[in-house]
Every structure is written in structure tokens, then in C-alpha cells.
Amino acid sequence: MAEITIMIDGRTVVATDMADMLQRITVSSMHEQLQQKLAHVVCPAHGFAPQVTLHIVQGRQHISITGCCQQLVDLTRQALAAPPG
């Protein structure tokens, strides 16, 4: 299963640790959506899952992907770009 980290303004956040209910729901939803999209992404050559970090800085989102090889990074990008469903 993919390792997903969410960072807001340079700080790693965990939904269950957030005091604000709206932020907790938002972060939890983002994490769940990423988890669903990446549930079956595994490197066919090495068997590893990707490591994905969602950076939110001043309201803008950027995703960083790392993995064992470029093939896994490419597969992860494809999974994230695919429509939900």
C-alpha cells in the first residue's frame, strides 16, 4: 500500500491530530482519495509501493512521488491522473 504524507505549509499533518473539524475532514478525505487511487499501484519489477507526499502551500497543491524506480513513479502518476472510479 502506498505511503502517503500530507504537508500543509511545510508541516506534516495527520487528520486525527487536528483540532479543527473541517480541516480534519478535509485532510482525511484527501488521504482517503489518494489511498483509493493508489491502492493497487505496485512496482512490477521490485514489488514496492510508491511514497507520495501532498504538499499544500498557501492553498496550492503539489504532489511529490518517489519509488524504487522510474517505472513505479510513472505508474503512480498515471494512477493519480486517472478519473475516479
N, C-alpha and C. Protein backbone atom coordinates (compact mmCIF):
# COMPACT_ATOMS: atom_id res chain seq x y z
N MET A 1 0.84 -1.17 0.00
CA MET A 1 0.00 0.00 0.00
C MET A 1 0.89 1.24 0.00
N ALA A 2 0.49 2.22 -0.76
CA ALA A 2 1.26 3.46 -0.88
C ALA A 2 1.42 4.15 0.47
N GLU A 3 2.58 4.75 0.65
CA GLU A 3 2.83 5.57 1.84
C GLU A 3 2.49 7.00 1.46
N ILE A 4 1.51 7.57 2.14
CA ILE A 4 1.02 8.91 1.80
C ILE A 4 1.25 9.85 2.97
N THR A 5 1.85 11.00 2.65
CA THR A 5 2.10 12.04 3.63
C THR A 5 1.43 13.32 3.14
N ILE A 6 0.79 14.03 4.03
CA ILE A 6 0.19 15.32 3.68
C ILE A 6 0.89 16.39 4.52
N MET A 7 1.38 17.40 3.81
CA MET A 7 2.07 18.51 4.46
C MET A 7 1.35 19.81 4.15
N ILE A 8 1.10 20.60 5.16
CA ILE A 8 0.49 21.92 4.98
C ILE A 8 1.50 22.96 5.47
N ASP A 9 1.88 23.83 4.54
CA ASP A 9 2.86 24.88 4.84
C ASP A 9 4.11 24.33 5.51
N GLY A 10 4.62 23.21 4.97
CA GLY A 10 5.87 22.63 5.45
C GLY A 10 5.76 21.75 6.68
N ARG A 11 4.56 21.55 7.18
CA ARG A 11 4.34 20.76 8.40
C ARG A 11 3.53 19.51 8.07
N THR A 12 4.04 18.34 8.44
CA THR A 12 3.30 17.10 8.24
C THR A 12 2.07 17.10 9.14
N VAL A 13 0.91 16.77 8.55
CA VAL A 13 -0.33 16.75 9.33
C VAL A 13 -0.96 15.37 9.28
N VAL A 14 -1.64 15.04 10.36
CA VAL A 14 -2.40 13.80 10.47
C VAL A 14 -3.82 14.21 10.88
N ALA A 15 -4.80 13.74 10.13
CA ALA A 15 -6.18 14.16 10.35
C ALA A 15 -6.63 13.99 11.80
N THR A 16 -6.30 12.86 12.40
CA THR A 16 -6.77 12.59 13.76
C THR A 16 -6.16 13.53 14.80
N ASP A 17 -5.06 14.22 14.45
CA ASP A 17 -4.42 15.14 15.39
C ASP A 17 -4.90 16.58 15.24
N MET A 18 -5.78 16.83 14.29
CA MET A 18 -6.21 18.20 14.02
C MET A 18 -7.39 18.59 14.89
N ALA A 19 -7.32 19.76 15.48
CA ALA A 19 -8.38 20.23 16.36
C ALA A 19 -9.58 20.74 15.58
N ASP A 20 -9.34 21.38 14.45
CA ASP A 20 -10.42 21.94 13.64
C ASP A 20 -11.14 20.83 12.87
N MET A 21 -12.44 20.69 13.10
CA MET A 21 -13.21 19.60 12.49
C MET A 21 -13.20 19.66 10.97
N LEU A 22 -13.35 20.85 10.40
CA LEU A 22 -13.36 20.98 8.94
C LEU A 22 -12.02 20.58 8.35
N GLN A 23 -10.92 21.00 8.97
CA GLN A 23 -9.59 20.60 8.49
C GLN A 23 -9.41 19.10 8.63
N ARG A 24 -9.87 18.53 9.72
CA ARG A 24 -9.75 17.09 9.94
C ARG A 24 -10.47 16.32 8.84
N ILE A 25 -11.69 16.74 8.51
CA ILE A 25 -12.46 16.07 7.47
C ILE A 25 -11.79 16.24 6.11
N THR A 26 -11.30 17.45 5.83
CA THR A 26 -10.65 17.71 4.55
C THR A 26 -9.39 16.87 4.37
N VAL A 27 -8.54 16.85 5.37
CA VAL A 27 -7.29 16.10 5.29
C VAL A 27 -7.59 14.60 5.21
N SER A 28 -8.54 14.15 6.00
CA SER A 28 -8.92 12.73 5.96
C SER A 28 -9.44 12.34 4.58
N SER A 29 -10.25 13.19 3.99
CA SER A 29 -10.80 12.93 2.66
C SER A 29 -9.70 12.89 1.60
N MET A 30 -8.76 13.83 1.66
CA MET A 30 -7.65 13.85 0.70
C MET A 30 -6.82 12.57 0.82
N HIS A 31 -6.53 12.17 2.04
CA HIS A 31 -5.74 10.96 2.28
C HIS A 31 -6.48 9.73 1.72
N GLU A 32 -7.77 9.65 2.01
CA GLU A 32 -8.56 8.51 1.54
C GLU A 32 -8.63 8.45 0.01
N GLN A 33 -8.81 9.60 -0.63
CA GLN A 33 -8.87 9.63 -2.09
C GLN A 33 -7.54 9.18 -2.72
N LEU A 34 -6.44 9.65 -2.15
CA LEU A 34 -5.14 9.22 -2.65
C LEU A 34 -4.95 7.72 -2.43
N GLN A 35 -5.33 7.24 -1.27
CA GLN A 35 -5.21 5.82 -0.96
C GLN A 35 -6.01 4.96 -1.94
N GLN A 36 -7.22 5.41 -2.28
CA GLN A 36 -8.05 4.67 -3.22
C GLN A 36 -7.43 4.64 -4.61
N LYS A 37 -6.91 5.77 -5.07
CA LYS A 37 -6.30 5.83 -6.40
C LYS A 37 -5.04 4.99 -6.49
N LEU A 38 -4.34 4.85 -5.37
CA LEU A 38 -3.05 4.16 -5.39
C LEU A 38 -3.08 2.77 -4.78
N ALA A 39 -4.27 2.29 -4.47
CA ALA A 39 -4.41 1.01 -3.76
C ALA A 39 -3.71 -0.16 -4.45
N HIS A 40 -3.69 -0.16 -5.76
CA HIS A 40 -3.14 -1.31 -6.48
C HIS A 40 -1.84 -0.99 -7.21
N VAL A 41 -1.25 0.16 -6.91
CA VAL A 41 -0.02 0.54 -7.58
C VAL A 41 1.17 -0.09 -6.85
N VAL A 42 1.82 -1.01 -7.54
CA VAL A 42 2.99 -1.70 -7.01
C VAL A 42 3.96 -1.88 -8.16
N CYS A 43 5.23 -1.70 -7.91
CA CYS A 43 6.24 -1.88 -8.94
C CYS A 43 6.24 -3.33 -9.41
N PRO A 44 6.03 -3.57 -10.71
CA PRO A 44 6.01 -4.94 -11.20
C PRO A 44 7.39 -5.60 -11.14
N ALA A 45 8.44 -4.82 -11.14
CA ALA A 45 9.79 -5.39 -11.12
C ALA A 45 10.30 -5.66 -9.70
N HIS A 46 9.94 -4.78 -8.75
CA HIS A 46 10.53 -4.88 -7.42
C HIS A 46 9.53 -5.14 -6.29
N GLY A 47 8.24 -4.97 -6.57
CA GLY A 47 7.21 -5.27 -5.57
C GLY A 47 6.98 -4.18 -4.53
N PHE A 48 7.55 -3.00 -4.74
CA PHE A 48 7.39 -1.91 -3.77
C PHE A 48 6.24 -0.99 -4.15
N ALA A 49 5.65 -0.35 -3.15
CA ALA A 49 4.60 0.66 -3.36
C ALA A 49 5.26 2.04 -3.37
N PRO A 50 4.59 3.02 -3.96
CA PRO A 50 5.17 4.36 -4.02
C PRO A 50 5.05 5.12 -2.69
N GLN A 51 5.85 6.17 -2.60
CA GLN A 51 5.77 7.10 -1.48
C GLN A 51 5.33 8.43 -2.08
N VAL A 52 4.18 8.91 -1.63
CA VAL A 52 3.58 10.11 -2.20
C VAL A 52 3.41 11.15 -1.10
N THR A 53 3.83 12.38 -1.41
CA THR A 53 3.66 13.48 -0.47
C THR A 53 2.83 14.56 -1.15
N LEU A 54 1.74 14.93 -0.52
CA LEU A 54 0.90 16.03 -0.99
C LEU A 54 1.32 17.26 -0.20
N HIS A 55 1.91 18.23 -0.92
CA HIS A 55 2.34 19.49 -0.31
C HIS A 55 1.25 20.53 -0.57
N ILE A 56 0.78 21.18 0.46
CA ILE A 56 -0.17 22.28 0.32
C ILE A 56 0.52 23.51 0.91
N VAL A 57 0.80 24.47 0.02
CA VAL A 57 1.48 25.69 0.44
C VAL A 57 0.66 26.87 -0.04
N GLN A 58 0.21 27.68 0.90
CA GLN A 58 -0.62 28.84 0.62
C GLN A 58 -1.80 28.47 -0.29
N GLY A 59 -2.43 27.33 0.01
CA GLY A 59 -3.61 26.89 -0.71
C GLY A 59 -3.34 26.18 -2.02
N ARG A 60 -2.10 26.10 -2.45
CA ARG A 60 -1.75 25.41 -3.70
C ARG A 60 -1.22 24.02 -3.40
N GLN A 61 -1.61 23.07 -4.26
CA GLN A 61 -1.21 21.69 -4.05
C GLN A 61 -0.13 21.27 -5.04
N HIS A 62 0.80 20.46 -4.55
CA HIS A 62 1.86 19.88 -5.36
C HIS A 62 2.09 18.47 -4.84
N ILE A 63 2.25 17.52 -5.75
CA ILE A 63 2.48 16.14 -5.33
C ILE A 63 3.89 15.71 -5.69
N SER A 64 4.60 15.12 -4.72
CA SER A 64 5.92 14.54 -4.93
C SER A 64 5.77 13.02 -4.89
N ILE A 65 6.41 12.35 -5.83
CA ILE A 65 6.36 10.89 -5.89
C ILE A 65 7.77 10.34 -5.87
N THR A 66 8.01 9.38 -4.99
CA THR A 66 9.28 8.66 -5.00
C THR A 66 8.97 7.17 -5.00
N GLY A 67 9.92 6.42 -5.48
CA GLY A 67 9.75 4.98 -5.55
C GLY A 67 11.05 4.30 -5.91
N CYS A 68 11.01 3.01 -6.05
CA CYS A 68 12.21 2.22 -6.29
C CYS A 68 12.80 2.45 -7.68
N CYS A 69 11.95 2.87 -8.63
CA CYS A 69 12.43 3.07 -9.99
C CYS A 69 11.49 4.00 -10.75
N GLN A 70 11.94 4.43 -11.91
CA GLN A 70 11.13 5.35 -12.72
C GLN A 70 9.81 4.72 -13.15
N GLN A 71 9.82 3.42 -13.37
CA GLN A 71 8.58 2.75 -13.79
C GLN A 71 7.50 2.91 -12.72
N LEU A 72 7.87 2.77 -11.45
CA LEU A 72 6.89 2.93 -10.37
C LEU A 72 6.40 4.38 -10.30
N VAL A 73 7.30 5.33 -10.47
CA VAL A 73 6.91 6.74 -10.46
C VAL A 73 5.92 7.01 -11.60
N ASP A 74 6.19 6.47 -12.79
CA ASP A 74 5.30 6.65 -13.94
C ASP A 74 3.94 6.00 -13.71
N LEU A 75 3.93 4.80 -13.15
CA LEU A 75 2.67 4.12 -12.85
C LEU A 75 1.85 4.91 -11.83
N THR A 76 2.52 5.49 -10.86
CA THR A 76 1.85 6.29 -9.84
C THR A 76 1.24 7.54 -10.45
N ARG A 77 1.99 8.22 -11.31
CA ARG A 77 1.46 9.41 -11.99
C ARG A 77 0.22 9.05 -12.80
N GLN A 78 0.27 7.93 -13.52
CA GLN A 78 -0.88 7.50 -14.32
C GLN A 78 -2.08 7.24 -13.45
N ALA A 79 -1.89 6.58 -12.31
CA ALA A 79 -2.99 6.28 -11.40
C ALA A 79 -3.59 7.56 -10.82
N LEU A 80 -2.75 8.52 -10.50
CA LEU A 80 -3.25 9.78 -9.96
C LEU A 80 -4.00 10.60 -11.01
N ALA A 81 -3.60 10.49 -12.26
CA ALA A 81 -4.23 11.25 -13.34
C ALA A 81 -5.53 10.62 -13.82
N ALA A 82 -5.74 9.35 -13.53
CA ALA A 82 -6.94 8.64 -13.99
C ALA A 82 -8.19 9.21 -13.31
N PRO A 83 -9.30 9.24 -14.05
CA PRO A 83 -10.55 9.70 -13.42
C PRO A 83 -10.97 8.75 -12.30
N PRO A 84 -11.67 9.25 -11.29
CA PRO A 84 -12.11 8.40 -10.19
C PRO A 84 -13.07 7.32 -10.68
N GLY A 85 -13.03 6.23 -9.99
CA GLY A 85 -14.00 5.19 -10.32
C GLY A 85 -13.39 3.89 -10.27
